[in-house]
Each structure stands twice: as C-alpha cells, then as structure tokens.
Amino acid sequence: MLASLGTASFQTIAMRSAMMASGTCSPAEYQRMVREKTTAALQTSMRLATWPPASATALLAPWHSKATANAKRLSRRRR
C-alpha cells in the first residue's frame, strides 16, 4: 500500500503542478485538494483515537484511496 500511495501521490502532484503552471487548474480542483486533505486528516485522526490502535494500513487508507482515484481521474483528463 505504501508503494502504491507513493506512486499515486507523485503522479497526482505532478499533474496538478502542471495544471497550476499552465493556468488550467480550475477553482474546483483547488477546492478539491483542500477538501480531500482535510477529510483524510480528520479520518486518520479519528482512527488514531480508537482503542485498540488502528493498523498502519487503516491509517493510510483515506490517503491511499484519494491519491489513487485522483491519479486515475487526472490521467484520463490529460488524454
């Protein structure tokens, strides 16, 4: 999961950075970035507050699901 998260995150950051540099990043995409990070951080925090402690996989799950979905969505957009 960690390798997949790293790859998807790299792809997403690269594609979004290119959109920002070219001026094609929409206000909706900027809002999506903030909303996703806030939601993932909240979900991870909630899982950290449970007993017994959540596994590393459970803690990374919100970040992984969004990163992989974004990489897939943004790569389709570039075609």
PDB file of N, CA and C in Angstrom:
ATOM      1  N   MET A   1       0.816  -1.186   0.000  1.00  0.00           N
ATOM      2  CA  MET A   1       0.000   0.000   0.000  1.00  0.00           C
ATOM      3  C   MET A   1       0.872   1.267   0.000  1.00  0.00           C
ATOM      4  N   LEU A   2       1.962   1.224   0.722  1.00  0.00           N
ATOM      5  CA  LEU A   2       2.842   2.392   0.808  1.00  0.00           C
ATOM      6  C   LEU A   2       3.449   2.731  -0.555  1.00  0.00           C
ATOM      7  N   ALA A   3       3.862   1.718  -1.294  1.00  0.00           N
ATOM      8  CA  ALA A   3       4.432   1.959  -2.627  1.00  0.00           C
ATOM      9  C   ALA A   3       3.379   2.518  -3.576  1.00  0.00           C
ATOM     10  N   SER A   4       2.187   1.966  -3.510  1.00  0.00           N
ATOM     11  CA  SER A   4       1.092   2.441  -4.350  1.00  0.00           C
ATOM     12  C   SER A   4       0.727   3.876  -4.001  1.00  0.00           C
ATOM     13  N   LEU A   5       0.690   4.187  -2.711  1.00  0.00           N
ATOM     14  CA  LEU A   5       0.399   5.548  -2.262  1.00  0.00           C
ATOM     15  C   LEU A   5       1.469   6.518  -2.767  1.00  0.00           C
ATOM     16  N   GLY A   6       2.724   6.124  -2.674  1.00  0.00           N
ATOM     17  CA  GLY A   6       3.810   6.976  -3.152  1.00  0.00           C
ATOM     18  C   GLY A   6       3.725   7.250  -4.635  1.00  0.00           C
ATOM     19  N   THR A   7       3.454   6.226  -5.400  1.00  0.00           N
ATOM     20  CA  THR A   7       3.349   6.377  -6.858  1.00  0.00           C
ATOM     21  C   THR A   7       2.165   7.255  -7.239  1.00  0.00           C
ATOM     22  N   ALA A   8       1.005   6.968  -6.655  1.00  0.00           N
ATOM     23  CA  ALA A   8      -0.200   7.745  -6.974  1.00  0.00           C
ATOM     24  C   ALA A   8      -0.051   9.195  -6.530  1.00  0.00           C
ATOM     25  N   SER A   9       0.560   9.410  -5.378  1.00  0.00           N
ATOM     26  CA  SER A   9       0.774  10.776  -4.890  1.00  0.00           C
ATOM     27  C   SER A   9       1.698  11.541  -5.824  1.00  0.00           C
ATOM     28  N   PHE A  10       2.777  10.905  -6.235  1.00  0.00           N
ATOM     29  CA  PHE A  10       3.722  11.549  -7.155  1.00  0.00           C
ATOM     30  C   PHE A  10       3.023  11.938  -8.452  1.00  0.00           C
ATOM     31  N   GLN A  11       2.240  11.018  -9.010  1.00  0.00           N
ATOM     32  CA  GLN A  11       1.533  11.296 -10.258  1.00  0.00           C
ATOM     33  C   GLN A  11       0.551  12.450 -10.089  1.00  0.00           C
ATOM     34  N   THR A  12      -0.201  12.416  -9.002  1.00  0.00           N
ATOM     35  CA  THR A  12      -1.189  13.466  -8.759  1.00  0.00           C
ATOM     36  C   THR A  12      -0.524  14.817  -8.580  1.00  0.00           C
ATOM     37  N   ILE A  13       0.537  14.868  -7.793  1.00  0.00           N
ATOM     38  CA  ILE A  13       1.245  16.126  -7.570  1.00  0.00           C
ATOM     39  C   ILE A  13       1.823  16.652  -8.878  1.00  0.00           C
ATOM     40  N   ALA A  14       2.395  15.778  -9.674  1.00  0.00           N
ATOM     41  CA  ALA A  14       2.978  16.204 -10.954  1.00  0.00           C
ATOM     42  C   ALA A  14       1.910  16.757 -11.895  1.00  0.00           C
ATOM     43  N   MET A  15       0.779  16.069 -11.997  1.00  0.00           N
ATOM     44  CA  MET A  15      -0.272  16.527 -12.907  1.00  0.00           C
ATOM     45  C   MET A  15      -0.907  17.829 -12.418  1.00  0.00           C
ATOM     46  N   ARG A  16      -1.139  17.934 -11.113  1.00  0.00           N
ATOM     47  CA  ARG A  16      -1.722  19.164 -10.583  1.00  0.00           C
ATOM     48  C   ARG A  16      -0.727  20.319 -10.691  1.00  0.00           C
ATOM     49  N   SER A  17       0.532  20.057 -10.477  1.00  0.00           N
ATOM     50  CA  SER A  17       1.550  21.110 -10.619  1.00  0.00           C
ATOM     51  C   SER A  17       1.600  21.607 -12.058  1.00  0.00           C
ATOM     52  N   ALA A  18       1.503  20.697 -13.008  1.00  0.00           N
ATOM     53  CA  ALA A  18       1.496  21.088 -14.417  1.00  0.00           C
ATOM     54  C   ALA A  18       0.261  21.932 -14.738  1.00  0.00           C
ATOM     55  N   MET A  19      -0.882  21.559 -14.169  1.00  0.00           N
ATOM     56  CA  MET A  19      -2.105  22.334 -14.374  1.00  0.00           C
ATOM     57  C   MET A  19      -1.950  23.747 -13.798  1.00  0.00           C
ATOM     58  N   MET A  20      -1.365  23.843 -12.617  1.00  0.00           N
ATOM     59  CA  MET A  20      -1.160  25.155 -11.990  1.00  0.00           C
ATOM     60  C   MET A  20      -0.198  25.995 -12.817  1.00  0.00           C
ATOM     61  N   ALA A  21       0.887  25.386 -13.270  1.00  0.00           N
ATOM     62  CA  ALA A  21       1.892  26.111 -14.046  1.00  0.00           C
ATOM     63  C   ALA A  21       1.334  26.615 -15.374  1.00  0.00           C
ATOM     64  N   SER A  22       0.447  25.840 -15.961  1.00  0.00           N
ATOM     65  CA  SER A  22      -0.121  26.232 -17.255  1.00  0.00           C
ATOM     66  C   SER A  22      -1.361  27.107 -17.117  1.00  0.00           C
ATOM     67  N   GLY A  23      -1.833  27.283 -15.881  1.00  0.00           N
ATOM     68  CA  GLY A  23      -3.011  28.110 -15.656  1.00  0.00           C
ATOM     69  C   GLY A  23      -4.324  27.425 -15.959  1.00  0.00           C
ATOM     70  N   THR A  24      -4.311  26.095 -16.042  1.00  0.00           N
ATOM     71  CA  THR A  24      -5.534  25.356 -16.366  1.00  0.00           C
ATOM     72  C   THR A  24      -6.169  24.687 -15.151  1.00  0.00           C
ATOM     73  N   CYS A  25      -5.647  24.950 -13.968  1.00  0.00           N
ATOM     74  CA  CYS A  25      -6.206  24.360 -12.754  1.00  0.00           C
ATOM     75  C   CYS A  25      -7.443  25.170 -12.345  1.00  0.00           C
ATOM     76  N   SER A  26      -8.576  24.520 -12.319  1.00  0.00           N
ATOM     77  CA  SER A  26      -9.835  25.212 -12.035  1.00  0.00           C
ATOM     78  C   SER A  26      -9.988  25.489 -10.540  1.00  0.00           C
ATOM     79  N   PRO A  27     -10.825  26.461 -10.194  1.00  0.00           N
ATOM     80  CA  PRO A  27     -11.118  26.696  -8.774  1.00  0.00           C
ATOM     81  C   PRO A  27     -11.677  25.444  -8.092  1.00  0.00           C
ATOM     82  N   ALA A  28     -12.442  24.661  -8.828  1.00  0.00           N
ATOM     83  CA  ALA A  28     -12.995  23.423  -8.264  1.00  0.00           C
ATOM     84  C   ALA A  28     -11.891  22.435  -7.899  1.00  0.00           C
ATOM     85  N   GLU A  29     -10.839  22.383  -8.715  1.00  0.00           N
ATOM     86  CA  GLU A  29      -9.719  21.475  -8.426  1.00  0.00           C
ATOM     87  C   GLU A  29      -8.955  21.942  -7.194  1.00  0.00           C
ATOM     88  N   TYR A  30      -8.772  23.249  -7.046  1.00  0.00           N
ATOM     89  CA  TYR A  30      -8.124  23.774  -5.844  1.00  0.00           C
ATOM     90  C   TYR A  30      -8.953  23.433  -4.600  1.00  0.00           C
ATOM     91  N   GLN A  31     -10.254  23.611  -4.691  1.00  0.00           N
ATOM     92  CA  GLN A  31     -11.143  23.299  -3.569  1.00  0.00           C
ATOM     93  C   GLN A  31     -11.094  21.812  -3.248  1.00  0.00           C
ATOM     94  N   ARG A  32     -11.051  20.983  -4.284  1.00  0.00           N
ATOM     95  CA  ARG A  32     -10.979  19.541  -4.087  1.00  0.00           C
ATOM     96  C   ARG A  32      -9.721  19.159  -3.319  1.00  0.00           C
ATOM     97  N   MET A  33      -8.593  19.788  -3.662  1.00  0.00           N
ATOM     98  CA  MET A  33      -7.330  19.489  -2.975  1.00  0.00           C
ATOM     99  C   MET A  33      -7.458  19.758  -1.477  1.00  0.00           C
ATOM    100  N   VAL A  34      -7.980  20.906  -1.126  1.00  0.00           N
ATOM    101  CA  VAL A  34      -8.105  21.274   0.291  1.00  0.00           C
ATOM    102  C   VAL A  34      -9.085  20.356   0.997  1.00  0.00           C
ATOM    103  N   ARG A  35     -10.227  20.117   0.380  1.00  0.00           N
ATOM    104  CA  ARG A  35     -11.265  19.271   0.987  1.00  0.00           C
ATOM    105  C   ARG A  35     -10.766  17.838   1.208  1.00  0.00           C
ATOM    106  N   GLU A  36     -10.056  17.288   0.233  1.00  0.00           N
ATOM    107  CA  GLU A  36      -9.552  15.911   0.368  1.00  0.00           C
ATOM    108  C   GLU A  36      -8.545  15.790   1.495  1.00  0.00           C
ATOM    109  N   LYS A  37      -7.635  16.745   1.582  1.00  0.00           N
ATOM    110  CA  LYS A  37      -6.617  16.684   2.643  1.00  0.00           C
ATOM    111  C   LYS A  37      -7.255  16.826   4.019  1.00  0.00           C
ATOM    112  N   THR A  38      -8.212  17.742   4.133  1.00  0.00           N
ATOM    113  CA  THR A  38      -8.894  17.955   5.406  1.00  0.00           C
ATOM    114  C   THR A  38      -9.649  16.699   5.829  1.00  0.00           C
ATOM    115  N   THR A  39     -10.374  16.101   4.895  1.00  0.00           N
ATOM    116  CA  THR A  39     -11.153  14.905   5.190  1.00  0.00           C
ATOM    117  C   THR A  39     -10.249  13.736   5.561  1.00  0.00           C
ATOM    118  N   ALA A  40      -9.180  13.532   4.807  1.00  0.00           N
ATOM    119  CA  ALA A  40      -8.265  12.422   5.099  1.00  0.00           C
ATOM    120  C   ALA A  40      -7.596  12.605   6.459  1.00  0.00           C
ATOM    121  N   ALA A  41      -7.207  13.834   6.770  1.00  0.00           N
ATOM    122  CA  ALA A  41      -6.579  14.094   8.069  1.00  0.00           C
ATOM    123  C   ALA A  41      -7.555  13.838   9.212  1.00  0.00           C
ATOM    124  N   LEU A  42      -8.799  14.241   9.031  1.00  0.00           N
ATOM    125  CA  LEU A  42      -9.819  14.008  10.052  1.00  0.00           C
ATOM    126  C   LEU A  42     -10.068  12.511  10.234  1.00  0.00           C
ATOM    127  N   GLN A  43     -10.179  11.775   9.138  1.00  0.00           N
ATOM    128  CA  GLN A  43     -10.405  10.330   9.226  1.00  0.00           C
ATOM    129  C   GLN A  43      -9.240   9.632   9.917  1.00  0.00           C
ATOM    130  N   THR A  44      -8.024  10.038   9.583  1.00  0.00           N
ATOM    131  CA  THR A  44      -6.852   9.436  10.223  1.00  0.00           C
ATOM    132  C   THR A  44      -6.832   9.765  11.713  1.00  0.00           C
ATOM    133  N   SER A  45      -7.147  10.997  12.057  1.00  0.00           N
ATOM    134  CA  SER A  45      -7.185  11.398  13.468  1.00  0.00           C
ATOM    135  C   SER A  45      -8.211  10.593  14.248  1.00  0.00           C
ATOM    136  N   MET A  46      -9.353  10.379  13.646  1.00  0.00           N
ATOM    137  CA  MET A  46     -10.408   9.599  14.308  1.00  0.00           C
ATOM    138  C   MET A  46      -9.939   8.153  14.526  1.00  0.00           C
ATOM    139  N   ARG A  47      -9.237   7.608  13.566  1.00  0.00           N
ATOM    140  CA  ARG A  47      -8.738   6.234  13.709  1.00  0.00           C
ATOM    141  C   ARG A  47      -7.625   6.150  14.744  1.00  0.00           C
ATOM    142  N   LEU A  48      -6.851   7.220  14.878  1.00  0.00           N
ATOM    143  CA  LEU A  48      -5.796   7.232  15.893  1.00  0.00           C
ATOM    144  C   LEU A  48      -6.380   7.292  17.306  1.00  0.00           C
ATOM    145  N   ALA A  49      -7.582   7.814  17.411  1.00  0.00           N
ATOM    146  CA  ALA A  49      -8.213   7.986  18.724  1.00  0.00           C
ATOM    147  C   ALA A  49      -8.941   6.726  19.200  1.00  0.00           C
ATOM    148  N   THR A  50      -8.924   5.678  18.431  1.00  0.00           N
ATOM    149  CA  THR A  50      -9.647   4.456  18.808  1.00  0.00           C
ATOM    150  C   THR A  50      -8.767   3.526  19.639  1.00  0.00           C
ATOM    151  N   TRP A  51      -9.418   2.651  20.350  1.00  0.00           N
ATOM    152  CA  TRP A  51      -8.716   1.591  21.075  1.00  0.00           C
ATOM    153  C   TRP A  51      -9.367   0.284  20.724  1.00  0.00           C
ATOM    154  N   PRO A  52      -8.658  -0.724  20.340  1.00  0.00           N
ATOM    155  CA  PRO A  52      -7.202  -0.782  20.172  1.00  0.00           C
ATOM    156  C   PRO A  52      -6.763   0.078  18.989  1.00  0.00           C
ATOM    157  N   PRO A  53      -5.496   0.452  18.982  1.00  0.00           N
ATOM    158  CA  PRO A  53      -4.988   1.333  17.920  1.00  0.00           C
ATOM    159  C   PRO A  53      -5.207   0.739  16.526  1.00  0.00           C
ATOM    160  N   ALA A  54      -5.472   1.624  15.587  1.00  0.00           N
ATOM    161  CA  ALA A  54      -5.673   1.197  14.209  1.00  0.00           C
ATOM    162  C   ALA A  54      -4.341   0.772  13.595  1.00  0.00           C
ATOM    163  N   SER A  55      -4.431  -0.098  12.619  1.00  0.00           N
ATOM    164  CA  SER A  55      -3.228  -0.549  11.922  1.00  0.00           C
ATOM    165  C   SER A  55      -2.721   0.552  10.987  1.00  0.00           C
ATOM    166  N   ALA A  56      -1.486   0.419  10.567  1.00  0.00           N
ATOM    167  CA  ALA A  56      -0.905   1.387   9.627  1.00  0.00           C
ATOM    168  C   ALA A  56      -1.708   1.409   8.329  1.00  0.00           C
ATOM    169  N   THR A  57      -2.175   0.257   7.903  1.00  0.00           N
ATOM    170  CA  THR A  57      -2.985   0.183   6.687  1.00  0.00           C
ATOM    171  C   THR A  57      -4.267   0.986   6.845  1.00  0.00           C
ATOM    172  N   ALA A  58      -4.915   0.866   7.990  1.00  0.00           N
ATOM    173  CA  ALA A  58      -6.147   1.619   8.231  1.00  0.00           C
ATOM    174  C   ALA A  58      -5.872   3.119   8.288  1.00  0.00           C
ATOM    175  N   LEU A  59      -4.729   3.503   8.821  1.00  0.00           N
ATOM    176  CA  LEU A  59      -4.386   4.922   8.902  1.00  0.00           C
ATOM    177  C   LEU A  59      -4.074   5.515   7.529  1.00  0.00           C
ATOM    178  N   LEU A  60      -3.493   4.719   6.658  1.00  0.00           N
ATOM    179  CA  LEU A  60      -3.135   5.199   5.319  1.00  0.00           C
ATOM    180  C   LEU A  60      -4.295   5.105   4.325  1.00  0.00           C
ATOM    181  N   ALA A  61      -5.306   4.341   4.641  1.00  0.00           N
ATOM    182  CA  ALA A  61      -6.403   4.082   3.706  1.00  0.00           C
ATOM    183  C   ALA A  61      -7.054   5.350   3.147  1.00  0.00           C
ATOM    184  N   PRO A  62      -7.390   6.355   3.972  1.00  0.00           N
ATOM    185  CA  PRO A  62      -8.017   7.557   3.388  1.00  0.00           C
ATOM    186  C   PRO A  62      -7.110   8.280   2.398  1.00  0.00           C
ATOM    187  N   TRP A  63      -5.828   8.319   2.673  1.00  0.00           N
ATOM    188  CA  TRP A  63      -4.878   8.975   1.787  1.00  0.00           C
ATOM    189  C   TRP A  63      -4.694   8.166   0.504  1.00  0.00           C
ATOM    190  N   HIS A  64      -4.610   6.848   0.654  1.00  0.00           N
ATOM    191  CA  HIS A  64      -4.400   5.955  -0.487  1.00  0.00           C
ATOM    192  C   HIS A  64      -5.578   6.006  -1.452  1.00  0.00           C
ATOM    193  N   SER A  65      -6.782   5.925  -0.932  1.00  0.00           N
ATOM    194  CA  SER A  65      -7.958   5.877  -1.819  1.00  0.00           C
ATOM    195  C   SER A  65      -8.087   7.161  -2.630  1.00  0.00           C
ATOM    196  N   LYS A  66      -7.853   8.298  -2.011  1.00  0.00           N
ATOM    197  CA  LYS A  66      -7.960   9.568  -2.741  1.00  0.00           C
ATOM    198  C   LYS A  66      -6.815   9.750  -3.730  1.00  0.00           C
ATOM    199  N   ALA A  67      -5.614   9.391  -3.338  1.00  0.00           N
ATOM    200  CA  ALA A  67      -4.460   9.554  -4.238  1.00  0.00           C
ATOM    201  C   ALA A  67      -4.604   8.687  -5.484  1.00  0.00           C
ATOM    202  N   THR A  68      -5.025   7.437  -5.304  1.00  0.00           N
ATOM    203  CA  THR A  68      -5.173   6.556  -6.467  1.00  0.00           C
ATOM    204  C   THR A  68      -6.328   7.015  -7.358  1.00  0.00           C
ATOM    205  N   ALA A  69      -7.428   7.466  -6.741  1.00  0.00           N
ATOM    206  CA  ALA A  69      -8.560   7.956  -7.534  1.00  0.00           C
ATOM    207  C   ALA A  69      -8.167   9.219  -8.310  1.00  0.00           C
ATOM    208  N   ASN A  70      -7.432  10.112  -7.674  1.00  0.00           N
ATOM    209  CA  ASN A  70      -7.001  11.341  -8.347  1.00  0.00           C
ATOM    210  C   ASN A  70      -6.042  11.048  -9.486  1.00  0.00           C
ATOM    211  N   ALA A  71      -5.096  10.164  -9.268  1.00  0.00           N
ATOM    212  CA  ALA A  71      -4.142   9.824 -10.331  1.00  0.00           C
ATOM    213  C   ALA A  71      -4.878   9.258 -11.542  1.00  0.00           C
ATOM    214  N   LYS A  72      -5.847   8.410 -11.291  1.00  0.00           N
ATOM    215  CA  LYS A  72      -6.628   7.819 -12.385  1.00  0.00           C
ATOM    216  C   LYS A  72      -7.467   8.895 -13.081  1.00  0.00           C
ATOM    217  N   ARG A  73      -8.150   9.724 -12.319  1.00  0.00           N
ATOM    218  CA  ARG A  73      -9.010  10.762 -12.883  1.00  0.00           C
ATOM    219  C   ARG A  73      -8.207  11.783 -13.674  1.00  0.00           C
ATOM    220  N   LEU A  74      -7.104  12.242 -13.106  1.00  0.00           N
ATOM    221  CA  LEU A  74      -6.307  13.260 -13.781  1.00  0.00           C
ATOM    222  C   LEU A  74      -5.587  12.708 -15.016  1.00  0.00           C
ATOM    223  N   SER A  75      -5.209  11.443 -14.989  1.00  0.00           N
ATOM    224  CA  SER A  75      -4.548  10.876 -16.176  1.00  0.00           C
ATOM    225  C   SER A  75      -5.541  10.730 -17.330  1.00  0.00           C
ATOM    226  N   ARG A  76      -6.798  10.456 -17.031  1.00  0.00           N
ATOM    227  CA  ARG A  76      -7.830  10.399 -18.085  1.00  0.00           C
ATOM    228  C   ARG A  76      -8.057  11.775 -18.670  1.00  0.00           C
ATOM    229  N   ARG A  77      -7.962  12.794 -17.850  1.00  0.00           N
ATOM    230  CA  ARG A  77      -8.189  14.168 -18.283  1.00  0.00           C
ATOM    231  C   ARG A  77      -7.124  14.620 -19.263  1.00  0.00           C
ATOM    232  N   ARG A  78      -5.915  14.143 -19.099  1.00  0.00           N
ATOM    233  CA  ARG A  78      -4.787  14.562 -19.958  1.00  0.00           C
ATOM    234  C   ARG A  78      -4.887  13.975 -21.349  1.00  0.00           C
ATOM    235  N   ARG A  79      -5.625  12.923 -21.533  1.00  0.00           N
ATOM    236  CA  ARG A  79      -5.686  12.251 -22.846  1.00  0.00           C
ATOM    237  C   ARG A  79      -6.492  13.018 -23.841  1.00  0.00           C
TER     238      ARG A  79
END
